[in-house]
Amino acid sequence: MTDFPAARLNMVESQVRVNAVTDGRVIDALGAVPRERFVPLSRQGIAYVDEDVRISDGNPPRFLMEPRVFAKLAQLAAIGPDDLVLDVGCGTGYSTAVLSRLAGTVVALESDEDLAARAGATLSDLGVDNAVVVTGPLTEGYAKQAPYDVIFINGMVSSVPEALQNQLREDGRLVTVLGDGVSGRARLYMRSGGGFSGRDAFDANIRFLPGFEPAESFVF
């Protein structure tokens, strides 16, 4: 039987701290949230491995982002205790549970109604009371609660949709992994002076979030 607290500690010490994650609030949040609660029972034994873990066998399947990349993105976002965060593609809610320990309020957006229901139930069971799970197309964001201080995208994207750009407040931050499915770079985007620009932060290669894949091109 897996010793989950020990596995969680090992994740923090051997995957997170050693990869330049130094923000104490991020480290404490990762150490407090039971990651195994957010994966299917049959996969709980691998909940803390340093790779993406499948959480849904749908078409396309969905994955829980690997701990190293997730932790570095959370640190990159520099989430403050009063920030309003949009968690895009929350899946079963793990990212929301962690981000809720860093932010004032988290709006967790999920397109899959079954995953959203699982996320809501698990978050409620864990006593997370500063997050709400909503459903809708991931690429459209959730304008009803905008503007957001931080937008966190749970997967690789080929580009950042204009709808999400427009839901950032002035001086807001958006973090994601931009790539082509072969390689990628974590990026920090900011809205300033009405503009939207970004910079590379670190190498990362994770799964595409559904709807954010590159558009198919015709081959002649």
C-alpha atoms as a PDB file:
ATOM      1  CA  MET A   1       0.000   0.000   0.000  1.00  0.00           C
ATOM      2  CA  THR A   2       1.412   3.392  -1.023  1.00  0.00           C
ATOM      3  CA  ASP A   3       2.502   5.772   1.734  1.00  0.00           C
ATOM      4  CA  PHE A   4       1.027   8.904   0.156  1.00  0.00           C
ATOM      5  CA  PRO A   5       2.379  11.475   2.661  1.00  0.00           C
ATOM      6  CA  ALA A   6       5.885  10.078   2.103  1.00  0.00           C
ATOM      7  CA  ALA A   7       5.378  10.111  -1.662  1.00  0.00           C
ATOM      8  CA  ARG A   8       4.202  13.734  -1.463  1.00  0.00           C
ATOM      9  CA  LEU A   9       7.236  14.755   0.553  1.00  0.00           C
ATOM     10  CA  ASN A  10       9.515  12.976  -1.897  1.00  0.00           C
ATOM     11  CA  MET A  11       7.813  14.800  -4.795  1.00  0.00           C
ATOM     12  CA  VAL A  12       8.465  18.149  -3.155  1.00  0.00           C
ATOM     13  CA  GLU A  13      12.055  17.367  -2.242  1.00  0.00           C
ATOM     14  CA  SER A  14      13.203  15.479  -5.359  1.00  0.00           C
ATOM     15  CA  GLN A  15      11.124  17.031  -8.141  1.00  0.00           C
ATOM     16  CA  VAL A  16      10.200  20.536  -7.006  1.00  0.00           C
ATOM     17  CA  ARG A  17      12.911  22.036  -4.810  1.00  0.00           C
ATOM     18  CA  VAL A  18      15.739  20.712  -6.995  1.00  0.00           C
ATOM     19  CA  ASN A  19      14.235  22.411 -10.060  1.00  0.00           C
ATOM     20  CA  ALA A  20      14.598  26.007  -8.877  1.00  0.00           C
ATOM     21  CA  VAL A  21      11.238  26.264  -7.113  1.00  0.00           C
ATOM     22  CA  THR A  22      12.057  28.436  -4.110  1.00  0.00           C
ATOM     23  CA  ASP A  23       8.730  30.128  -3.340  1.00  0.00           C
ATOM     24  CA  GLY A  24       7.805  28.870   0.116  1.00  0.00           C
ATOM     25  CA  ARG A  25       4.064  29.370  -0.458  1.00  0.00           C
ATOM     26  CA  VAL A  26       4.146  27.193  -3.574  1.00  0.00           C
ATOM     27  CA  ILE A  27       6.187  24.505  -1.820  1.00  0.00           C
ATOM     28  CA  ASP A  28       3.831  24.491   1.185  1.00  0.00           C
ATOM     29  CA  ALA A  29       0.756  24.249  -1.060  1.00  0.00           C
ATOM     30  CA  LEU A  30       2.195  21.294  -2.986  1.00  0.00           C
ATOM     31  CA  GLY A  31       3.077  19.593   0.274  1.00  0.00           C
ATOM     32  CA  ALA A  32      -0.426  20.038   1.655  1.00  0.00           C
ATOM     33  CA  VAL A  33      -2.653  18.913  -1.236  1.00  0.00           C
ATOM     34  CA  PRO A  34      -3.220  15.129  -1.563  1.00  0.00           C
ATOM     35  CA  ARG A  35      -2.520  14.674  -5.280  1.00  0.00           C
ATOM     36  CA  GLU A  36      -3.693  11.064  -5.150  1.00  0.00           C
ATOM     37  CA  ARG A  37      -7.254  12.234  -4.506  1.00  0.00           C
ATOM     38  CA  PHE A  38      -7.385  13.752  -7.995  1.00  0.00           C
ATOM     39  CA  VAL A  39      -6.472  10.692 -10.061  1.00  0.00           C
ATOM     40  CA  PRO A  40      -8.509   7.508 -10.674  1.00  0.00           C
ATOM     41  CA  LEU A  41      -8.206   4.852  -7.990  1.00  0.00           C
ATOM     42  CA  SER A  42      -6.342   2.536 -10.364  1.00  0.00           C
ATOM     43  CA  ARG A  43      -3.635   5.169 -10.887  1.00  0.00           C
ATOM     44  CA  GLN A  44      -3.248   6.520  -7.372  1.00  0.00           C
ATOM     45  CA  GLY A  45      -0.035   4.548  -6.954  1.00  0.00           C
ATOM     46  CA  ILE A  46       1.632   6.684  -9.646  1.00  0.00           C
ATOM     47  CA  ALA A  47       0.077  10.018  -8.610  1.00  0.00           C
ATOM     48  CA  TYR A  48       3.459  11.443  -7.593  1.00  0.00           C
ATOM     49  CA  VAL A  49       5.647  10.292 -10.483  1.00  0.00           C
ATOM     50  CA  ASP A  50       7.403  13.037 -12.433  1.00  0.00           C
ATOM     51  CA  GLU A  51       5.301  12.725 -15.558  1.00  0.00           C
ATOM     52  CA  ASP A  52       1.802  13.560 -16.774  1.00  0.00           C
ATOM     53  CA  VAL A  53      -0.763  11.187 -15.242  1.00  0.00           C
ATOM     54  CA  ARG A  54      -3.880  10.209 -17.192  1.00  0.00           C
ATOM     55  CA  ILE A  55      -7.063  11.232 -15.376  1.00  0.00           C
ATOM     56  CA  SER A  56      -9.597  10.523 -18.124  1.00  0.00           C
ATOM     57  CA  ASP A  57      -9.762   8.006 -20.960  1.00  0.00           C
ATOM     58  CA  GLY A  58     -11.973  10.211 -23.107  1.00  0.00           C
ATOM     59  CA  ASN A  59     -11.299  11.358 -26.646  1.00  0.00           C
ATOM     60  CA  PRO A  60      -8.940  13.070 -26.307  1.00  0.00           C
ATOM     61  CA  PRO A  61      -7.704  11.706 -22.967  1.00  0.00           C
ATOM     62  CA  ARG A  62      -6.873  14.174 -20.212  1.00  0.00           C
ATOM     63  CA  PHE A  63      -3.815  14.350 -17.994  1.00  0.00           C
ATOM     64  CA  LEU A  64      -2.663  15.780 -14.699  1.00  0.00           C
ATOM     65  CA  MET A  65       0.383  17.947 -15.412  1.00  0.00           C
ATOM     66  CA  GLU A  66       3.708  16.641 -14.141  1.00  0.00           C
ATOM     67  CA  PRO A  67       4.659  18.117 -10.731  1.00  0.00           C
ATOM     68  CA  ARG A  68       7.885  19.834 -11.833  1.00  0.00           C
ATOM     69  CA  VAL A  69       6.302  21.856 -14.614  1.00  0.00           C
ATOM     70  CA  PHE A  70       3.178  22.611 -12.594  1.00  0.00           C
ATOM     71  CA  ALA A  71       5.205  23.905  -9.652  1.00  0.00           C
ATOM     72  CA  LYS A  72       7.406  26.098 -11.839  1.00  0.00           C
ATOM     73  CA  LEU A  73       4.370  27.569 -13.616  1.00  0.00           C
ATOM     74  CA  ALA A  74       2.693  28.300 -10.281  1.00  0.00           C
ATOM     75  CA  GLN A  75       5.836  30.072  -9.095  1.00  0.00           C
ATOM     76  CA  LEU A  76       6.114  31.972 -12.390  1.00  0.00           C
ATOM     77  CA  ALA A  77       2.566  33.286 -11.962  1.00  0.00           C
ATOM     78  CA  ALA A  78       3.549  35.018  -8.686  1.00  0.00           C
ATOM     79  CA  ILE A  79       0.030  34.601  -7.277  1.00  0.00           C
ATOM     80  CA  GLY A  80      -0.816  36.905  -4.396  1.00  0.00           C
ATOM     81  CA  PRO A  81      -3.224  36.153  -1.511  1.00  0.00           C
ATOM     82  CA  ASP A  82      -5.846  38.569  -2.860  1.00  0.00           C
ATOM     83  CA  ASP A  83      -5.601  37.558  -6.530  1.00  0.00           C
ATOM     84  CA  LEU A  84      -8.510  36.324  -8.617  1.00  0.00           C
ATOM     85  CA  VAL A  85      -7.284  33.366 -10.683  1.00  0.00           C
ATOM     86  CA  LEU A  86      -8.821  31.640 -13.703  1.00  0.00           C
ATOM     87  CA  ASP A  87      -7.706  27.996 -13.803  1.00  0.00           C
ATOM     88  CA  VAL A  88      -8.242  26.890 -17.419  1.00  0.00           C
ATOM     89  CA  GLY A  89      -8.709  23.149 -17.882  1.00  0.00           C
ATOM     90  CA  CYS A  90      -8.868  22.261 -14.200  1.00  0.00           C
ATOM     91  CA  GLY A  91      -9.565  18.581 -14.928  1.00  0.00           C
ATOM     92  CA  THR A  92     -10.294  16.814 -11.648  1.00  0.00           C
ATOM     93  CA  GLY A  93      -9.345  19.898  -9.637  1.00  0.00           C
ATOM     94  CA  TYR A  94      -5.790  19.301  -8.425  1.00  0.00           C
ATOM     95  CA  SER A  95      -4.461  22.535  -9.868  1.00  0.00           C
ATOM     96  CA  THR A  96      -7.405  24.396  -8.341  1.00  0.00           C
ATOM     97  CA  ALA A  97      -6.729  22.922  -4.914  1.00  0.00           C
ATOM     98  CA  VAL A  98      -3.094  24.078  -5.033  1.00  0.00           C
ATOM     99  CA  LEU A  99      -3.844  27.497  -6.517  1.00  0.00           C
ATOM    100  CA  SER A 100      -6.589  28.084  -3.933  1.00  0.00           C
ATOM    101  CA  ARG A 101      -3.890  28.020  -1.250  1.00  0.00           C
ATOM    102  CA  LEU A 102      -2.058  30.835  -3.046  1.00  0.00           C
ATOM    103  CA  ALA A 103      -4.935  33.034  -4.253  1.00  0.00           C
ATOM    104  CA  GLY A 104      -7.934  34.850  -2.859  1.00  0.00           C
ATOM    105  CA  THR A 105     -10.400  33.187  -5.231  1.00  0.00           C
ATOM    106  CA  VAL A 106     -10.060  30.619  -8.021  1.00  0.00           C
ATOM    107  CA  VAL A 107     -12.509  30.158 -10.896  1.00  0.00           C
ATOM    108  CA  ALA A 108     -11.893  26.639 -12.225  1.00  0.00           C
ATOM    109  CA  LEU A 109     -12.982  26.240 -15.849  1.00  0.00           C
ATOM    110  CA  GLU A 110     -13.556  22.778 -17.297  1.00  0.00           C
ATOM    111  CA  SER A 111     -15.160  21.719 -20.596  1.00  0.00           C
ATOM    112  CA  ASP A 112     -15.785  18.082 -19.603  1.00  0.00           C
ATOM    113  CA  GLU A 113     -18.868  17.940 -17.369  1.00  0.00           C
ATOM    114  CA  ASP A 114     -17.863  14.630 -15.777  1.00  0.00           C
ATOM    115  CA  LEU A 115     -14.435  15.951 -14.836  1.00  0.00           C
ATOM    116  CA  ALA A 116     -15.996  19.164 -13.557  1.00  0.00           C
ATOM    117  CA  ALA A 117     -18.354  17.186 -11.338  1.00  0.00           C
ATOM    118  CA  ARG A 118     -15.456  15.151  -9.961  1.00  0.00           C
ATOM    119  CA  ALA A 119     -13.475  18.331  -9.344  1.00  0.00           C
ATOM    120  CA  GLY A 120     -16.328  19.997  -7.498  1.00  0.00           C
ATOM    121  CA  ALA A 121     -16.967  16.950  -5.314  1.00  0.00           C
ATOM    122  CA  THR A 122     -13.305  16.444  -4.376  1.00  0.00           C
ATOM    123  CA  LEU A 123     -12.688  20.124  -3.672  1.00  0.00           C
ATOM    124  CA  SER A 124     -15.774  20.237  -1.464  1.00  0.00           C
ATOM    125  CA  ASP A 125     -14.698  17.081   0.358  1.00  0.00           C
ATOM    126  CA  LEU A 126     -11.300  18.665   1.045  1.00  0.00           C
ATOM    127  CA  GLY A 127     -12.892  21.833   2.384  1.00  0.00           C
ATOM    128  CA  VAL A 128     -11.723  24.174  -0.394  1.00  0.00           C
ATOM    129  CA  ASP A 129     -14.131  27.083   0.025  1.00  0.00           C
ATOM    130  CA  ASN A 130     -12.523  29.803  -2.102  1.00  0.00           C
ATOM    131  CA  ALA A 131     -12.898  28.097  -5.477  1.00  0.00           C
ATOM    132  CA  VAL A 132     -15.811  27.509  -7.828  1.00  0.00           C
ATOM    133  CA  VAL A 133     -15.931  25.054 -10.744  1.00  0.00           C
ATOM    134  CA  VAL A 134     -17.658  26.242 -13.933  1.00  0.00           C
ATOM    135  CA  THR A 135     -18.120  24.549 -17.301  1.00  0.00           C
ATOM    136  CA  GLY A 136     -17.642  25.864 -20.809  1.00  0.00           C
ATOM    137  CA  PRO A 137     -15.268  25.927 -23.789  1.00  0.00           C
ATOM    138  CA  LEU A 138     -11.721  26.287 -22.486  1.00  0.00           C
ATOM    139  CA  THR A 139     -10.556  28.580 -25.298  1.00  0.00           C
ATOM    140  CA  GLU A 140     -13.276  31.094 -24.449  1.00  0.00           C
ATOM    141  CA  GLY A 141     -12.335  31.525 -20.802  1.00  0.00           C
ATOM    142  CA  TYR A 142     -15.004  32.697 -18.372  1.00  0.00           C
ATOM    143  CA  ALA A 143     -15.828  36.326 -19.066  1.00  0.00           C
ATOM    144  CA  LYS A 144     -18.519  36.548 -16.391  1.00  0.00           C
ATOM    145  CA  GLN A 145     -15.929  36.866 -13.603  1.00  0.00           C
ATOM    146  CA  ALA A 146     -13.244  38.724 -15.592  1.00  0.00           C
ATOM    147  CA  PRO A 147     -10.922  40.532 -15.371  1.00  0.00           C
ATOM    148  CA  TYR A 148      -8.485  38.166 -13.680  1.00  0.00           C
ATOM    149  CA  ASP A 149      -5.201  38.898 -11.955  1.00  0.00           C
ATOM    150  CA  VAL A 150      -3.821  35.539 -13.134  1.00  0.00           C
ATOM    151  CA  ILE A 151      -4.835  33.037 -15.810  1.00  0.00           C
ATOM    152  CA  PHE A 152      -3.277  29.581 -15.439  1.00  0.00           C
ATOM    153  CA  ILE A 153      -3.553  27.256 -18.476  1.00  0.00           C
ATOM    154  CA  ASN A 154      -3.295  23.552 -17.603  1.00  0.00           C
ATOM    155  CA  GLY A 155      -1.601  22.210 -20.713  1.00  0.00           C
ATOM    156  CA  MET A 156       0.393  23.053 -23.800  1.00  0.00           C
ATOM    157  CA  VAL A 157      -1.029  25.576 -26.271  1.00  0.00           C
ATOM    158  CA  SER A 158      -0.101  26.453 -29.830  1.00  0.00           C
ATOM    159  CA  SER A 159      -1.204  30.042 -29.177  1.00  0.00           C
ATOM    160  CA  VAL A 160      -3.075  32.033 -26.559  1.00  0.00           C
ATOM    161  CA  PRO A 161      -6.651  32.779 -27.687  1.00  0.00           C
ATOM    162  CA  GLU A 162      -7.624  36.430 -27.852  1.00  0.00           C
ATOM    163  CA  ALA A 163     -10.586  35.737 -25.557  1.00  0.00           C
ATOM    164  CA  LEU A 164      -8.198  34.764 -22.752  1.00  0.00           C
ATOM    165  CA  GLN A 165      -5.899  37.704 -23.445  1.00  0.00           C
ATOM    166  CA  ASN A 166      -8.844  40.062 -23.081  1.00  0.00           C
ATOM    167  CA  GLN A 167      -9.862  38.609 -19.713  1.00  0.00           C
ATOM    168  CA  LEU A 168      -6.629  39.674 -18.002  1.00  0.00           C
ATOM    169  CA  ARG A 169      -6.742  42.804 -15.909  1.00  0.00           C
ATOM    170  CA  GLU A 170      -4.117  45.506 -16.443  1.00  0.00           C
ATOM    171  CA  ASP A 171      -0.789  44.184 -15.082  1.00  0.00           C
ATOM    172  CA  GLY A 172      -2.317  40.684 -14.968  1.00  0.00           C
ATOM    173  CA  ARG A 173      -0.250  37.552 -15.708  1.00  0.00           C
ATOM    174  CA  LEU A 174      -0.979  34.505 -17.832  1.00  0.00           C
ATOM    175  CA  VAL A 175       1.206  31.392 -17.622  1.00  0.00           C
ATOM    176  CA  THR A 176       1.231  28.454 -19.992  1.00  0.00           C
ATOM    177  CA  VAL A 177       3.482  26.213 -22.077  1.00  0.00           C
ATOM    178  CA  LEU A 178       3.702  27.257 -25.720  1.00  0.00           C
ATOM    179  CA  GLY A 179       4.787  24.541 -28.129  1.00  0.00           C
ATOM    180  CA  ASP A 180       4.181  22.303 -31.099  1.00  0.00           C
ATOM    181  CA  GLY A 181       3.801  18.950 -29.352  1.00  0.00           C
ATOM    182  CA  VAL A 182       7.462  18.047 -29.849  1.00  0.00           C
ATOM    183  CA  SER A 183       9.026  20.734 -27.692  1.00  0.00           C
ATOM    184  CA  GLY A 184       7.788  23.687 -25.728  1.00  0.00           C
ATOM    185  CA  ARG A 185       8.680  26.650 -23.559  1.00  0.00           C
ATOM    186  CA  ALA A 186       6.888  27.883 -20.475  1.00  0.00           C
ATOM    187  CA  ARG A 187       5.943  31.514 -20.999  1.00  0.00           C
ATOM    188  CA  LEU A 188       4.848  34.377 -18.796  1.00  0.00           C
ATOM    189  CA  TYR A 189       2.500  36.805 -20.527  1.00  0.00           C
ATOM    190  CA  MET A 190       1.458  40.176 -19.143  1.00  0.00           C
ATOM    191  CA  ARG A 191      -1.124  42.788 -20.045  1.00  0.00           C
ATOM    192  CA  SER A 192       0.254  46.304 -19.818  1.00  0.00           C
ATOM    193  CA  GLY A 193      -0.813  49.543 -21.410  1.00  0.00           C
ATOM    194  CA  GLY A 194      -3.496  47.725 -23.348  1.00  0.00           C
ATOM    195  CA  GLY A 195      -0.940  45.393 -24.920  1.00  0.00           C
ATOM    196  CA  PHE A 196      -0.249  41.684 -24.388  1.00  0.00           C
ATOM    197  CA  SER A 197       3.301  40.357 -24.511  1.00  0.00           C
ATOM    198  CA  GLY A 198       5.268  37.429 -23.170  1.00  0.00           C
ATOM    199  CA  ARG A 199       8.705  36.053 -22.419  1.00  0.00           C
ATOM    200  CA  ASP A 200      10.187  32.565 -22.276  1.00  0.00           C
ATOM    201  CA  ALA A 201      10.844  31.127 -18.831  1.00  0.00           C
ATOM    202  CA  PHE A 202      11.994  27.480 -19.060  1.00  0.00           C
ATOM    203  CA  ASP A 203      11.846  24.378 -21.260  1.00  0.00           C
ATOM    204  CA  ALA A 204       8.773  22.195 -20.818  1.00  0.00           C
ATOM    205  CA  ASN A 205       7.009  19.525 -22.836  1.00  0.00           C
ATOM    206  CA  ILE A 206       3.546  18.574 -21.632  1.00  0.00           C
ATOM    207  CA  ARG A 207       0.282  17.411 -23.206  1.00  0.00           C
ATOM    208  CA  PHE A 208      -1.856  19.751 -25.264  1.00  0.00           C
ATOM    209  CA  LEU A 209      -5.002  20.996 -23.595  1.00  0.00           C
ATOM    210  CA  PRO A 210      -7.984  20.091 -25.830  1.00  0.00           C
ATOM    211  CA  GLY A 211      -8.892  22.964 -28.110  1.00  0.00           C
ATOM    212  CA  PHE A 212      -5.434  24.505 -27.988  1.00  0.00           C
ATOM    213  CA  GLU A 213      -3.745  22.195 -30.504  1.00  0.00           C
ATOM    214  CA  PRO A 214      -2.231  23.609 -33.740  1.00  0.00           C
ATOM    215  CA  ALA A 215      -4.748  24.072 -36.517  1.00  0.00           C
ATOM    216  CA  GLU A 216      -4.508  21.344 -39.154  1.00  0.00           C
ATOM    217  CA  SER A 217      -2.989  22.500 -42.426  1.00  0.00           C
ATOM    218  CA  PHE A 218      -3.586  21.154 -45.915  1.00  0.00           C
ATOM    219  CA  VAL A 219      -0.803  19.167 -47.546  1.00  0.00           C
ATOM    220  CA  PHE A 220      -0.647  19.345 -51.356  1.00  0.00           C
END
